Amino acid sequence: MPDDLNLSNLSPAQPRKDRKRVGRGLGSGKGRYSGRGIKGQKSRAGSHRMRAGFEGGQMPLAMRLPKLRGNTSRDAMPVGPFRTYTQPVNLRDLDRFEAGEEVTPESLKAKGLIRSIRKDVKLLGVGELTKKLTITVHAASATAREKVEAAGGTLTLLKEPKVKKARKPRAVPASAPDDDDEPEAVAEVSEPEAAEADAEPGTEESED
């Protein structure tokens, strides 16, 4: 670069490159179809803004694969209203709290252990707890409760666990009696019919 900078020796830092001007006549080299070819999907406007999973109109892979049954499964379509989600927090993650400190969903979010306080928090028993803490969460495993109480802390649940109803034993149908054990049926006969049966044939008195 020369020492004296003036209008006669000004030049851009990088060589200029004109933008491509399409649709300006056949003589320009980019006329008529403007470099898009003849017809087809990629010649249309918006053809390069396809949604995720679009496979050119054929059945997408996510719809070709079989789905699990039930409205609460991960692959169920549509997702049922009974699907729930809890944010897991392990005991080993509570080392960030000081002894005697209160552990709540708000404090867990402040420490960066959970993302949202709108979803339930469940305490799991992975790791060891050596501090006495007052923990308030929505749910907890049996192992986590034992370790918290062993360390001298307290655990309070915001949602009481649901008690599973005991299933009623199925009624066993009574076995049908065998044909050999049944008493023989005795036919009931009326008195006139019995009298006629007792009388021997040919002994009837003739009328004089």
N, C-alpha and C. Protein backbone atom coordinates (compact mmCIF):
# COMPACT_ATOMS: atom_id res chain seq x y z
N MET A 1 0.85 -1.19 0.00
CA MET A 1 0.00 0.00 0.00
C MET A 1 0.89 1.24 0.00
N PRO A 2 0.61 2.19 -0.88
CA PRO A 2 1.48 3.37 -0.93
C PRO A 2 1.33 4.22 0.32
N ASP A 3 2.37 5.00 0.57
CA ASP A 3 2.34 5.85 1.75
C ASP A 3 1.31 6.94 1.61
N ASP A 4 1.26 7.56 0.43
CA ASP A 4 0.32 8.65 0.22
C ASP A 4 -0.98 8.09 -0.31
N LEU A 5 -2.07 8.23 0.46
CA LEU A 5 -3.38 7.72 0.06
C LEU A 5 -4.19 8.87 -0.52
N ASN A 6 -4.55 8.74 -1.76
CA ASN A 6 -5.37 9.77 -2.40
C ASN A 6 -6.37 9.10 -3.34
N LEU A 7 -7.18 9.86 -3.99
CA LEU A 7 -8.24 9.33 -4.84
C LEU A 7 -7.70 8.53 -6.02
N SER A 8 -6.49 8.79 -6.42
CA SER A 8 -5.95 8.09 -7.60
C SER A 8 -5.52 6.66 -7.28
N ASN A 9 -5.21 6.38 -6.04
CA ASN A 9 -4.75 5.04 -5.71
C ASN A 9 -5.70 4.31 -4.74
N LEU A 10 -6.93 4.81 -4.59
CA LEU A 10 -7.91 4.10 -3.76
C LEU A 10 -8.35 2.82 -4.45
N SER A 11 -8.48 1.75 -3.71
CA SER A 11 -8.97 0.48 -4.24
C SER A 11 -9.62 -0.31 -3.09
N PRO A 12 -10.64 -1.12 -3.37
CA PRO A 12 -11.28 -1.89 -2.29
C PRO A 12 -10.34 -2.94 -1.72
N ALA A 13 -10.56 -3.29 -0.47
CA ALA A 13 -9.72 -4.29 0.18
C ALA A 13 -9.86 -5.65 -0.50
N GLN A 14 -11.05 -5.95 -1.00
CA GLN A 14 -11.29 -7.20 -1.74
C GLN A 14 -11.90 -6.86 -3.08
N PRO A 15 -11.56 -7.64 -4.08
CA PRO A 15 -12.13 -7.33 -5.39
C PRO A 15 -13.65 -7.44 -5.38
N ARG A 16 -14.30 -6.51 -6.02
CA ARG A 16 -15.76 -6.49 -6.06
C ARG A 16 -16.27 -7.62 -6.96
N LYS A 17 -17.41 -8.14 -6.56
CA LYS A 17 -18.04 -9.19 -7.35
C LYS A 17 -19.51 -8.84 -7.50
N ASP A 18 -19.91 -8.63 -8.72
CA ASP A 18 -21.29 -8.25 -8.96
C ASP A 18 -22.22 -9.42 -8.63
N ARG A 19 -23.40 -9.06 -8.09
CA ARG A 19 -24.37 -10.11 -7.79
C ARG A 19 -24.95 -10.67 -9.08
N LYS A 20 -25.45 -11.87 -8.98
CA LYS A 20 -26.01 -12.55 -10.14
C LYS A 20 -27.40 -11.98 -10.42
N ARG A 21 -27.59 -11.47 -11.60
CA ARG A 21 -28.87 -10.90 -12.01
C ARG A 21 -29.53 -11.90 -12.97
N VAL A 22 -30.64 -12.47 -12.50
CA VAL A 22 -31.30 -13.51 -13.28
C VAL A 22 -32.57 -12.95 -13.88
N GLY A 23 -33.03 -13.63 -14.93
CA GLY A 23 -34.26 -13.21 -15.58
C GLY A 23 -34.13 -11.92 -16.35
N ARG A 24 -33.00 -11.65 -17.00
CA ARG A 24 -32.77 -10.40 -17.73
C ARG A 24 -32.48 -10.67 -19.21
N GLY A 25 -33.16 -11.69 -19.75
CA GLY A 25 -32.99 -11.94 -21.17
C GLY A 25 -32.08 -13.11 -21.45
N LEU A 26 -32.28 -13.70 -22.65
CA LEU A 26 -31.49 -14.88 -23.01
C LEU A 26 -30.02 -14.56 -23.18
N GLY A 27 -29.70 -13.34 -23.58
CA GLY A 27 -28.30 -12.99 -23.80
C GLY A 27 -27.50 -12.93 -22.52
N SER A 28 -28.17 -12.78 -21.36
CA SER A 28 -27.44 -12.68 -20.10
C SER A 28 -26.93 -14.03 -19.62
N GLY A 29 -27.46 -15.13 -20.17
CA GLY A 29 -27.07 -16.46 -19.72
C GLY A 29 -27.92 -16.97 -18.57
N LYS A 30 -28.70 -16.10 -17.93
CA LYS A 30 -29.57 -16.50 -16.83
C LYS A 30 -30.99 -16.01 -17.09
N GLY A 31 -31.41 -16.12 -18.31
CA GLY A 31 -32.75 -15.69 -18.67
C GLY A 31 -33.70 -16.88 -18.75
N ARG A 32 -34.88 -16.61 -19.16
CA ARG A 32 -35.96 -17.59 -19.34
C ARG A 32 -36.29 -18.32 -18.03
N TYR A 33 -35.52 -19.34 -17.63
CA TYR A 33 -35.82 -20.10 -16.42
C TYR A 33 -34.99 -19.64 -15.22
N SER A 34 -34.10 -18.69 -15.41
CA SER A 34 -33.31 -18.09 -14.31
C SER A 34 -32.51 -19.12 -13.52
N GLY A 35 -32.02 -20.14 -14.17
CA GLY A 35 -31.18 -21.13 -13.53
C GLY A 35 -31.93 -22.17 -12.73
N ARG A 36 -33.27 -22.21 -12.81
CA ARG A 36 -34.05 -23.16 -12.03
C ARG A 36 -34.39 -24.43 -12.81
N GLY A 37 -34.08 -24.48 -14.07
CA GLY A 37 -34.45 -25.65 -14.84
C GLY A 37 -35.90 -25.56 -15.31
N ILE A 38 -36.40 -26.67 -15.81
CA ILE A 38 -37.76 -26.70 -16.36
C ILE A 38 -38.66 -27.47 -15.40
N LYS A 39 -39.62 -26.79 -14.85
CA LYS A 39 -40.65 -27.39 -13.99
C LYS A 39 -40.05 -28.14 -12.79
N GLY A 40 -40.89 -28.83 -12.08
CA GLY A 40 -40.43 -29.62 -10.94
C GLY A 40 -40.54 -28.86 -9.63
N GLN A 41 -40.31 -29.59 -8.55
CA GLN A 41 -40.46 -29.02 -7.22
C GLN A 41 -39.48 -27.89 -6.97
N LYS A 42 -38.24 -28.05 -7.40
CA LYS A 42 -37.22 -27.05 -7.09
C LYS A 42 -37.29 -25.82 -7.98
N SER A 43 -38.22 -25.82 -8.93
CA SER A 43 -38.42 -24.62 -9.73
C SER A 43 -39.47 -23.71 -9.13
N ARG A 44 -40.15 -24.18 -8.08
CA ARG A 44 -41.21 -23.39 -7.47
C ARG A 44 -40.66 -22.52 -6.34
N ALA A 45 -41.42 -21.48 -6.04
CA ALA A 45 -41.03 -20.62 -4.94
C ALA A 45 -41.24 -21.35 -3.61
N GLY A 46 -40.31 -21.16 -2.67
CA GLY A 46 -40.42 -21.79 -1.37
C GLY A 46 -40.06 -23.25 -1.36
N SER A 47 -39.45 -23.77 -2.42
CA SER A 47 -39.13 -25.20 -2.46
C SER A 47 -38.01 -25.58 -1.51
N HIS A 48 -37.20 -24.61 -1.09
CA HIS A 48 -36.07 -24.92 -0.20
C HIS A 48 -36.43 -24.67 1.26
N ARG A 49 -37.70 -24.39 1.55
CA ARG A 49 -38.13 -24.18 2.93
C ARG A 49 -39.09 -25.31 3.31
N MET A 50 -38.59 -26.53 3.35
CA MET A 50 -39.43 -27.69 3.66
C MET A 50 -39.33 -27.99 5.16
N ARG A 51 -40.41 -28.47 5.69
CA ARG A 51 -40.46 -28.76 7.12
C ARG A 51 -39.57 -29.96 7.44
N ALA A 52 -39.22 -30.10 8.68
CA ALA A 52 -38.40 -31.23 9.12
C ALA A 52 -39.17 -32.53 8.96
N GLY A 53 -38.54 -33.53 8.40
CA GLY A 53 -39.19 -34.82 8.20
C GLY A 53 -39.93 -34.94 6.89
N PHE A 54 -39.94 -33.91 6.06
CA PHE A 54 -40.62 -33.98 4.77
C PHE A 54 -39.79 -34.82 3.80
N GLU A 55 -40.44 -35.80 3.17
CA GLU A 55 -39.74 -36.73 2.29
C GLU A 55 -40.31 -36.70 0.88
N GLY A 56 -40.58 -35.49 0.40
CA GLY A 56 -41.00 -35.38 -0.99
C GLY A 56 -42.42 -35.85 -1.26
N GLY A 57 -43.23 -35.94 -0.24
CA GLY A 57 -44.61 -36.35 -0.45
C GLY A 57 -44.88 -37.80 -0.10
N GLN A 58 -43.84 -38.61 0.00
CA GLN A 58 -44.08 -40.00 0.38
C GLN A 58 -44.30 -40.10 1.89
N MET A 59 -44.74 -41.27 2.33
CA MET A 59 -45.04 -41.45 3.75
C MET A 59 -43.76 -41.30 4.58
N PRO A 60 -43.73 -40.36 5.53
CA PRO A 60 -42.50 -40.14 6.31
C PRO A 60 -42.15 -41.35 7.17
N LEU A 61 -40.89 -41.41 7.56
CA LEU A 61 -40.41 -42.54 8.35
C LEU A 61 -41.13 -42.60 9.70
N ALA A 62 -41.39 -41.45 10.31
CA ALA A 62 -42.03 -41.44 11.61
C ALA A 62 -43.44 -42.01 11.55
N MET A 63 -44.07 -41.97 10.40
CA MET A 63 -45.42 -42.52 10.25
C MET A 63 -45.39 -43.96 9.75
N ARG A 64 -44.27 -44.37 9.17
CA ARG A 64 -44.17 -45.76 8.69
C ARG A 64 -43.85 -46.73 9.82
N LEU A 65 -43.16 -46.26 10.85
CA LEU A 65 -42.78 -47.15 11.94
C LEU A 65 -43.99 -47.47 12.80
N PRO A 66 -44.06 -48.66 13.37
CA PRO A 66 -45.20 -49.01 14.23
C PRO A 66 -45.14 -48.23 15.54
N LYS A 67 -46.29 -47.97 16.09
CA LYS A 67 -46.40 -47.22 17.34
C LYS A 67 -46.76 -48.17 18.48
N LEU A 68 -46.34 -47.80 19.68
CA LEU A 68 -46.70 -48.57 20.85
C LEU A 68 -48.15 -48.32 21.22
N ARG A 69 -48.77 -49.30 21.79
CA ARG A 69 -50.17 -49.18 22.14
C ARG A 69 -50.35 -48.37 23.42
N GLY A 70 -51.49 -47.78 23.57
CA GLY A 70 -51.79 -47.03 24.77
C GLY A 70 -51.64 -45.54 24.58
N ASN A 71 -52.51 -44.77 25.25
CA ASN A 71 -52.47 -43.33 25.08
C ASN A 71 -51.45 -42.65 25.98
N THR A 72 -50.67 -43.42 26.76
CA THR A 72 -49.67 -42.81 27.62
C THR A 72 -48.24 -43.17 27.18
N SER A 73 -48.08 -43.87 26.08
CA SER A 73 -46.75 -44.27 25.65
C SER A 73 -46.07 -43.11 24.94
N ARG A 74 -44.77 -43.21 24.79
CA ARG A 74 -44.00 -42.14 24.17
C ARG A 74 -44.34 -41.98 22.69
N ASP A 75 -44.63 -43.10 22.01
CA ASP A 75 -44.89 -43.05 20.58
C ASP A 75 -46.37 -42.99 20.24
N ALA A 76 -47.22 -42.85 21.24
CA ALA A 76 -48.65 -42.84 20.98
C ALA A 76 -49.03 -41.58 20.21
N MET A 77 -49.90 -41.74 19.24
CA MET A 77 -50.41 -40.61 18.46
C MET A 77 -51.93 -40.68 18.46
N PRO A 78 -52.65 -39.70 18.96
CA PRO A 78 -52.10 -38.53 19.66
C PRO A 78 -51.76 -38.87 21.10
N VAL A 79 -50.99 -38.04 21.73
CA VAL A 79 -50.59 -38.29 23.11
C VAL A 79 -51.80 -38.10 24.01
N GLY A 80 -52.03 -39.05 24.90
CA GLY A 80 -53.20 -39.02 25.75
C GLY A 80 -53.09 -37.98 26.86
N PRO A 81 -54.21 -37.67 27.51
CA PRO A 81 -54.19 -36.65 28.56
C PRO A 81 -53.64 -37.14 29.89
N PHE A 82 -53.34 -38.45 30.01
CA PHE A 82 -52.91 -38.99 31.29
C PHE A 82 -51.40 -39.12 31.39
N ARG A 83 -50.70 -38.61 30.41
CA ARG A 83 -49.25 -38.72 30.43
C ARG A 83 -48.66 -37.70 31.40
N THR A 84 -47.77 -38.12 32.27
CA THR A 84 -47.17 -37.23 33.25
C THR A 84 -45.65 -37.28 33.12
N TYR A 85 -44.98 -36.28 33.68
CA TYR A 85 -43.53 -36.20 33.62
C TYR A 85 -43.03 -35.59 34.92
N THR A 86 -41.98 -36.14 35.47
CA THR A 86 -41.36 -35.60 36.67
C THR A 86 -39.89 -35.33 36.39
N GLN A 87 -39.38 -34.31 37.05
CA GLN A 87 -37.96 -33.97 36.92
C GLN A 87 -37.17 -34.70 38.00
N PRO A 88 -36.24 -35.56 37.62
CA PRO A 88 -35.50 -36.32 38.63
C PRO A 88 -34.36 -35.49 39.23
N VAL A 89 -34.18 -35.66 40.52
CA VAL A 89 -33.06 -35.04 41.24
C VAL A 89 -32.48 -36.10 42.16
N ASN A 90 -31.18 -36.38 42.05
CA ASN A 90 -30.53 -37.40 42.85
C ASN A 90 -29.97 -36.79 44.14
N LEU A 91 -29.75 -37.66 45.12
CA LEU A 91 -29.20 -37.20 46.40
C LEU A 91 -27.80 -36.62 46.24
N ARG A 92 -27.05 -37.17 45.30
CA ARG A 92 -25.68 -36.67 45.12
C ARG A 92 -25.66 -35.23 44.62
N ASP A 93 -26.78 -34.77 44.02
CA ASP A 93 -26.83 -33.39 43.53
C ASP A 93 -27.09 -32.39 44.63
N LEU A 94 -27.47 -32.87 45.82
CA LEU A 94 -27.78 -31.95 46.92
C LEU A 94 -26.55 -31.51 47.69
N ASP A 95 -25.36 -31.87 47.21
CA ASP A 95 -24.14 -31.41 47.87
C ASP A 95 -23.94 -29.91 47.72
N ARG A 96 -24.68 -29.29 46.79
CA ARG A 96 -24.55 -27.85 46.61
C ARG A 96 -25.21 -27.06 47.74
N PHE A 97 -26.03 -27.71 48.55
CA PHE A 97 -26.70 -27.04 49.64
C PHE A 97 -25.87 -27.19 50.92
N GLU A 98 -25.99 -26.17 51.78
CA GLU A 98 -25.31 -26.20 53.07
C GLU A 98 -26.15 -26.99 54.08
N ALA A 99 -25.51 -27.48 55.13
CA ALA A 99 -26.20 -28.26 56.15
C ALA A 99 -27.27 -27.40 56.83
N GLY A 100 -28.45 -27.97 57.00
CA GLY A 100 -29.56 -27.26 57.62
C GLY A 100 -30.35 -26.39 56.66
N GLU A 101 -29.95 -26.34 55.41
CA GLU A 101 -30.65 -25.50 54.44
C GLU A 101 -31.93 -26.20 53.97
N GLU A 102 -32.89 -25.41 53.52
CA GLU A 102 -34.16 -25.94 53.05
C GLU A 102 -34.10 -26.14 51.54
N VAL A 103 -34.53 -27.32 51.10
CA VAL A 103 -34.49 -27.67 49.68
C VAL A 103 -35.92 -27.67 49.17
N THR A 104 -36.23 -26.79 48.23
CA THR A 104 -37.55 -26.69 47.62
C THR A 104 -37.39 -26.64 46.10
N PRO A 105 -38.47 -26.80 45.35
CA PRO A 105 -38.34 -26.67 43.89
C PRO A 105 -37.77 -25.32 43.46
N GLU A 106 -38.10 -24.25 44.20
CA GLU A 106 -37.55 -22.94 43.84
C GLU A 106 -36.04 -22.89 44.06
N SER A 107 -35.56 -23.46 45.18
CA SER A 107 -34.12 -23.45 45.44
C SER A 107 -33.38 -24.39 44.49
N LEU A 108 -34.03 -25.47 44.09
CA LEU A 108 -33.40 -26.37 43.12
C LEU A 108 -33.23 -25.67 41.78
N LYS A 109 -34.22 -24.88 41.37
CA LYS A 109 -34.09 -24.14 40.11
C LYS A 109 -33.02 -23.07 40.22
N ALA A 110 -32.92 -22.43 41.39
CA ALA A 110 -31.89 -21.42 41.57
C ALA A 110 -30.49 -22.02 41.50
N LYS A 111 -30.35 -23.28 41.94
CA LYS A 111 -29.05 -23.95 41.88
C LYS A 111 -28.78 -24.56 40.50
N GLY A 112 -29.77 -24.53 39.63
CA GLY A 112 -29.58 -25.08 38.29
C GLY A 112 -29.78 -26.57 38.19
N LEU A 113 -30.45 -27.18 39.19
CA LEU A 113 -30.67 -28.62 39.17
C LEU A 113 -31.91 -29.02 38.38
N ILE A 114 -32.86 -28.13 38.27
CA ILE A 114 -34.05 -28.38 37.45
C ILE A 114 -34.27 -27.18 36.54
N ARG A 115 -35.08 -27.38 35.52
CA ARG A 115 -35.31 -26.31 34.55
C ARG A 115 -36.55 -25.50 34.83
N SER A 116 -37.57 -26.16 35.38
CA SER A 116 -38.84 -25.47 35.56
C SER A 116 -39.45 -25.89 36.89
N ILE A 117 -40.18 -24.97 37.51
CA ILE A 117 -40.89 -25.28 38.74
C ILE A 117 -42.34 -25.64 38.45
N ARG A 118 -42.72 -25.65 37.19
CA ARG A 118 -44.09 -26.00 36.82
C ARG A 118 -44.29 -27.52 36.78
N LYS A 119 -43.18 -28.25 36.66
CA LYS A 119 -43.26 -29.70 36.60
C LYS A 119 -42.87 -30.30 37.95
N ASP A 120 -43.42 -31.45 38.24
CA ASP A 120 -43.16 -32.10 39.52
C ASP A 120 -41.69 -32.52 39.64
N VAL A 121 -41.20 -32.54 40.86
CA VAL A 121 -39.82 -32.92 41.16
C VAL A 121 -39.85 -34.20 41.98
N LYS A 122 -39.07 -35.19 41.55
CA LYS A 122 -38.98 -36.45 42.28
C LYS A 122 -37.54 -36.67 42.74
N LEU A 123 -37.38 -36.98 44.00
CA LEU A 123 -36.06 -37.21 44.59
C LEU A 123 -35.72 -38.69 44.48
N LEU A 124 -34.57 -38.98 43.88
CA LEU A 124 -34.11 -40.35 43.70
C LEU A 124 -32.93 -40.62 44.63
N GLY A 125 -32.68 -41.89 44.90
CA GLY A 125 -31.68 -42.26 45.90
C GLY A 125 -30.31 -42.57 45.36
N VAL A 126 -29.91 -42.01 44.22
CA VAL A 126 -28.58 -42.25 43.67
C VAL A 126 -27.58 -41.37 44.40
N GLY A 127 -26.56 -41.97 44.97
CA GLY A 127 -25.56 -41.22 45.71
C GLY A 127 -25.82 -41.27 47.21
N GLU A 128 -24.98 -40.56 47.96
CA GLU A 128 -25.09 -40.54 49.42
C GLU A 128 -25.34 -39.11 49.88
N LEU A 129 -26.03 -38.99 51.01
CA LEU A 129 -26.34 -37.69 51.60
C LEU A 129 -25.71 -37.64 52.99
N THR A 130 -24.82 -36.67 53.20
CA THR A 130 -24.11 -36.55 54.47
C THR A 130 -24.50 -35.30 55.24
N LYS A 131 -25.51 -34.55 54.72
CA LYS A 131 -25.91 -33.31 55.37
C LYS A 131 -27.35 -33.42 55.85
N LYS A 132 -27.65 -32.68 56.89
CA LYS A 132 -29.01 -32.64 57.41
C LYS A 132 -29.77 -31.55 56.67
N LEU A 133 -30.73 -31.96 55.85
CA LEU A 133 -31.47 -31.03 55.01
C LEU A 133 -32.97 -31.20 55.24
N THR A 134 -33.68 -30.12 55.01
CA THR A 134 -35.14 -30.13 55.04
C THR A 134 -35.62 -30.07 53.59
N ILE A 135 -36.10 -31.19 53.11
CA ILE A 135 -36.41 -31.33 51.68
C ILE A 135 -37.92 -31.34 51.50
N THR A 136 -38.38 -30.55 50.53
CA THR A 136 -39.80 -30.50 50.17
C THR A 136 -39.90 -30.66 48.66
N VAL A 137 -40.37 -31.82 48.22
CA VAL A 137 -40.53 -32.11 46.81
C VAL A 137 -41.89 -32.77 46.59
N HIS A 138 -42.19 -33.06 45.33
CA HIS A 138 -43.49 -33.64 45.01
C HIS A 138 -43.53 -35.15 45.26
N ALA A 139 -42.43 -35.85 45.00
CA ALA A 139 -42.39 -37.29 45.18
C ALA A 139 -40.97 -37.71 45.50
N ALA A 140 -40.81 -38.90 46.04
CA ALA A 140 -39.49 -39.42 46.40
C ALA A 140 -39.56 -40.93 46.42
N SER A 141 -38.44 -41.55 46.09
CA SER A 141 -38.35 -42.99 46.13
C SER A 141 -38.13 -43.46 47.56
N ALA A 142 -38.37 -44.75 47.79
CA ALA A 142 -38.20 -45.30 49.14
C ALA A 142 -36.74 -45.24 49.57
N THR A 143 -35.81 -45.47 48.63
CA THR A 143 -34.39 -45.41 48.97
C THR A 143 -33.98 -44.00 49.35
N ALA A 144 -34.49 -43.01 48.64
CA ALA A 144 -34.16 -41.62 48.96
C ALA A 144 -34.69 -41.23 50.33
N ARG A 145 -35.88 -41.67 50.66
CA ARG A 145 -36.44 -41.34 51.98
C ARG A 145 -35.60 -41.95 53.10
N GLU A 146 -35.16 -43.19 52.92
CA GLU A 146 -34.35 -43.84 53.95
C GLU A 146 -33.03 -43.10 54.16
N LYS A 147 -32.40 -42.68 53.08
CA LYS A 147 -31.10 -42.01 53.21
C LYS A 147 -31.25 -40.62 53.81
N VAL A 148 -32.34 -39.93 53.48
CA VAL A 148 -32.55 -38.59 54.06
C VAL A 148 -32.79 -38.70 55.56
N GLU A 149 -33.59 -39.65 55.98
CA GLU A 149 -33.86 -39.82 57.41
C GLU A 149 -32.64 -40.34 58.15
N ALA A 150 -31.81 -41.15 57.48
CA ALA A 150 -30.59 -41.64 58.11
C ALA A 150 -29.60 -40.50 58.35
N ALA A 151 -29.61 -39.49 57.48
CA ALA A 151 -28.71 -38.35 57.65
C ALA A 151 -29.26 -37.33 58.63
N GLY A 152 -30.46 -37.58 59.19
CA GLY A 152 -31.04 -36.66 60.16
C GLY A 152 -31.93 -35.60 59.57
N GLY A 153 -32.19 -35.67 58.29
CA GLY A 153 -33.03 -34.67 57.64
C GLY A 153 -34.49 -35.08 57.63
N THR A 154 -35.32 -34.21 57.07
CA THR A 154 -36.75 -34.47 56.96
C THR A 154 -37.15 -34.35 55.50
N LEU A 155 -38.17 -35.13 55.14
CA LEU A 155 -38.66 -35.14 53.76
C LEU A 155 -40.17 -34.94 53.78
N THR A 156 -40.63 -33.93 53.07
CA THR A 156 -42.05 -33.62 52.99
C THR A 156 -42.48 -33.69 51.52
N LEU A 157 -43.59 -34.37 51.28
CA LEU A 157 -44.10 -34.54 49.92
C LEU A 157 -45.23 -33.55 49.68
N LEU A 158 -45.18 -32.88 48.53
CA LEU A 158 -46.23 -31.95 48.16
C LEU A 158 -47.46 -32.67 47.62
N LYS A 159 -47.26 -33.89 47.14
CA LYS A 159 -48.37 -34.70 46.65
C LYS A 159 -48.32 -36.04 47.35
N GLU A 160 -49.41 -36.41 47.94
CA GLU A 160 -49.46 -37.69 48.62
C GLU A 160 -49.45 -38.82 47.60
N PRO A 161 -48.69 -39.87 47.85
CA PRO A 161 -48.65 -40.98 46.89
C PRO A 161 -50.00 -41.68 46.82
N LYS A 162 -50.34 -42.10 45.62
CA LYS A 162 -51.61 -42.79 45.42
C LYS A 162 -51.50 -44.23 45.93
N VAL A 163 -52.50 -44.63 46.68
CA VAL A 163 -52.53 -45.99 47.21
C VAL A 163 -53.23 -46.88 46.19
N LYS A 164 -52.54 -47.92 45.80
CA LYS A 164 -53.12 -48.82 44.82
C LYS A 164 -54.21 -49.67 45.48
N LYS A 165 -55.30 -49.77 44.78
CA LYS A 165 -56.40 -50.57 45.29
C LYS A 165 -56.10 -52.05 45.13
N ALA A 166 -56.42 -52.80 46.18
CA ALA A 166 -56.19 -54.24 46.13
C ALA A 166 -57.20 -54.88 45.17
N ARG A 167 -56.70 -55.75 44.36
CA ARG A 167 -57.58 -56.41 43.41
C ARG A 167 -58.44 -57.45 44.12
N LYS A 168 -59.69 -57.48 43.73
CA LYS A 168 -60.58 -58.46 44.30
C LYS A 168 -60.30 -59.83 43.70
N PRO A 169 -60.27 -60.87 44.54
CA PRO A 169 -60.02 -62.21 43.98
C PRO A 169 -61.16 -62.62 43.06
N ARG A 170 -60.78 -63.25 42.01
CA ARG A 170 -61.77 -63.69 41.04
C ARG A 170 -62.61 -64.84 41.61
N ALA A 171 -63.91 -64.75 41.42
CA ALA A 171 -64.81 -65.77 41.93
C ALA A 171 -64.65 -67.05 41.13
N VAL A 172 -64.42 -68.15 41.85
CA VAL A 172 -64.27 -69.45 41.19
C VAL A 172 -65.65 -70.05 40.97
N PRO A 173 -66.02 -70.35 39.74
CA PRO A 173 -67.36 -70.91 39.51
C PRO A 173 -67.50 -72.27 40.18
N ALA A 174 -68.69 -72.51 40.76
CA ALA A 174 -68.96 -73.78 41.43
C ALA A 174 -68.99 -74.90 40.41
N SER A 175 -68.39 -76.04 40.78
CA SER A 175 -68.34 -77.17 39.85
C SER A 175 -69.71 -77.81 39.74
N ALA A 176 -70.11 -78.15 38.53
CA ALA A 176 -71.42 -78.76 38.30
C ALA A 176 -71.40 -80.19 38.81
N PRO A 177 -72.47 -80.65 39.47
CA PRO A 177 -72.50 -82.05 39.98
C PRO A 177 -72.51 -83.04 38.83
N ASP A 178 -71.92 -84.20 39.11
CA ASP A 178 -71.88 -85.24 38.08
C ASP A 178 -73.26 -85.85 37.90
N ASP A 179 -73.45 -86.44 36.73
CA ASP A 179 -74.73 -87.05 36.43
C ASP A 179 -74.98 -88.28 37.30
N ASP A 180 -73.90 -88.96 37.71
CA ASP A 180 -74.08 -90.18 38.50
C ASP A 180 -74.58 -89.88 39.90
N ASP A 181 -74.22 -88.63 40.40
CA ASP A 181 -74.60 -88.30 41.75
C ASP A 181 -76.02 -87.79 41.87
N GLU A 182 -76.62 -87.43 40.74
CA GLU A 182 -77.97 -86.89 40.80
C GLU A 182 -78.97 -87.98 41.17
N PRO A 183 -79.92 -87.70 42.06
CA PRO A 183 -80.97 -88.70 42.37
C PRO A 183 -81.91 -88.85 41.19
N GLU A 184 -82.42 -90.05 41.07
CA GLU A 184 -83.32 -90.30 39.95
C GLU A 184 -84.61 -89.54 40.16
N ALA A 185 -85.06 -88.93 39.10
CA ALA A 185 -86.29 -88.15 39.18
C ALA A 185 -87.48 -89.08 39.24
N VAL A 186 -88.39 -88.82 40.19
CA VAL A 186 -89.60 -89.61 40.34
C VAL A 186 -90.75 -88.86 39.71
N ALA A 187 -91.41 -89.51 38.77
CA ALA A 187 -92.51 -88.86 38.07
C ALA A 187 -93.72 -88.82 38.97
N GLU A 188 -94.33 -87.68 39.05
CA GLU A 188 -95.53 -87.53 39.86
C GLU A 188 -96.74 -88.01 39.04
N VAL A 189 -97.55 -88.88 39.67
CA VAL A 189 -98.72 -89.44 38.99
C VAL A 189 -99.94 -89.06 39.79
N SER A 190 -100.95 -88.61 39.12
CA SER A 190 -102.19 -88.24 39.81
C SER A 190 -102.92 -89.48 40.32
N GLU A 191 -103.82 -89.27 41.27
CA GLU A 191 -104.54 -90.40 41.89
C GLU A 191 -105.38 -91.19 40.90
N PRO A 192 -106.17 -90.57 40.02
CA PRO A 192 -106.96 -91.39 39.06
C PRO A 192 -106.07 -92.22 38.17
N GLU A 193 -104.95 -91.64 37.73
CA GLU A 193 -104.07 -92.40 36.85
C GLU A 193 -103.45 -93.57 37.62
N ALA A 194 -103.16 -93.37 38.89
CA ALA A 194 -102.58 -94.45 39.70
C ALA A 194 -103.59 -95.57 39.91
N ALA A 195 -104.87 -95.23 40.11
CA ALA A 195 -105.90 -96.25 40.30
C ALA A 195 -106.08 -97.09 39.04
N GLU A 196 -106.06 -96.42 37.89
CA GLU A 196 -106.20 -97.15 36.64
C GLU A 196 -105.01 -98.05 36.39
N ALA A 197 -103.84 -97.61 36.81
CA ALA A 197 -102.65 -98.42 36.60
C ALA A 197 -102.67 -99.65 37.49
N ASP A 198 -103.24 -99.54 38.72
CA ASP A 198 -103.27 -100.69 39.62
C ASP A 198 -104.26 -101.75 39.15
N ALA A 199 -105.32 -101.31 38.51
CA ALA A 199 -106.33 -102.27 38.06
C ALA A 199 -105.78 -103.10 36.91
N GLU A 200 -105.97 -104.46 37.03
CA GLU A 200 -105.49 -105.33 35.97
C GLU A 200 -106.41 -105.23 34.78
N PRO A 201 -105.88 -105.35 33.61
CA PRO A 201 -106.73 -105.29 32.40
C PRO A 201 -107.71 -106.47 32.36
N GLY A 202 -108.95 -106.22 31.96
CA GLY A 202 -109.96 -107.26 31.81
C GLY A 202 -110.74 -107.55 33.05
N THR A 203 -110.50 -106.84 34.12
CA THR A 203 -111.21 -107.10 35.39
C THR A 203 -112.26 -106.04 35.66
N GLU A 204 -112.47 -105.13 34.72
CA GLU A 204 -113.46 -104.10 34.94
C GLU A 204 -114.85 -104.73 35.02
N GLU A 205 -115.71 -104.28 35.92
CA GLU A 205 -117.06 -104.79 36.08
C GLU A 205 -117.94 -104.24 34.97
N SER A 206 -118.63 -105.08 34.37
CA SER A 206 -119.53 -104.66 33.30
C SER A 206 -120.84 -104.17 33.92
N GLU A 207 -121.46 -103.24 33.30
CA GLU A 207 -122.71 -102.70 33.82
C GLU A 207 -123.85 -103.63 33.46
N ASP A 208 -124.68 -103.96 34.42
CA ASP A 208 -125.85 -104.82 34.18
C ASP A 208 -126.96 -104.04 33.53
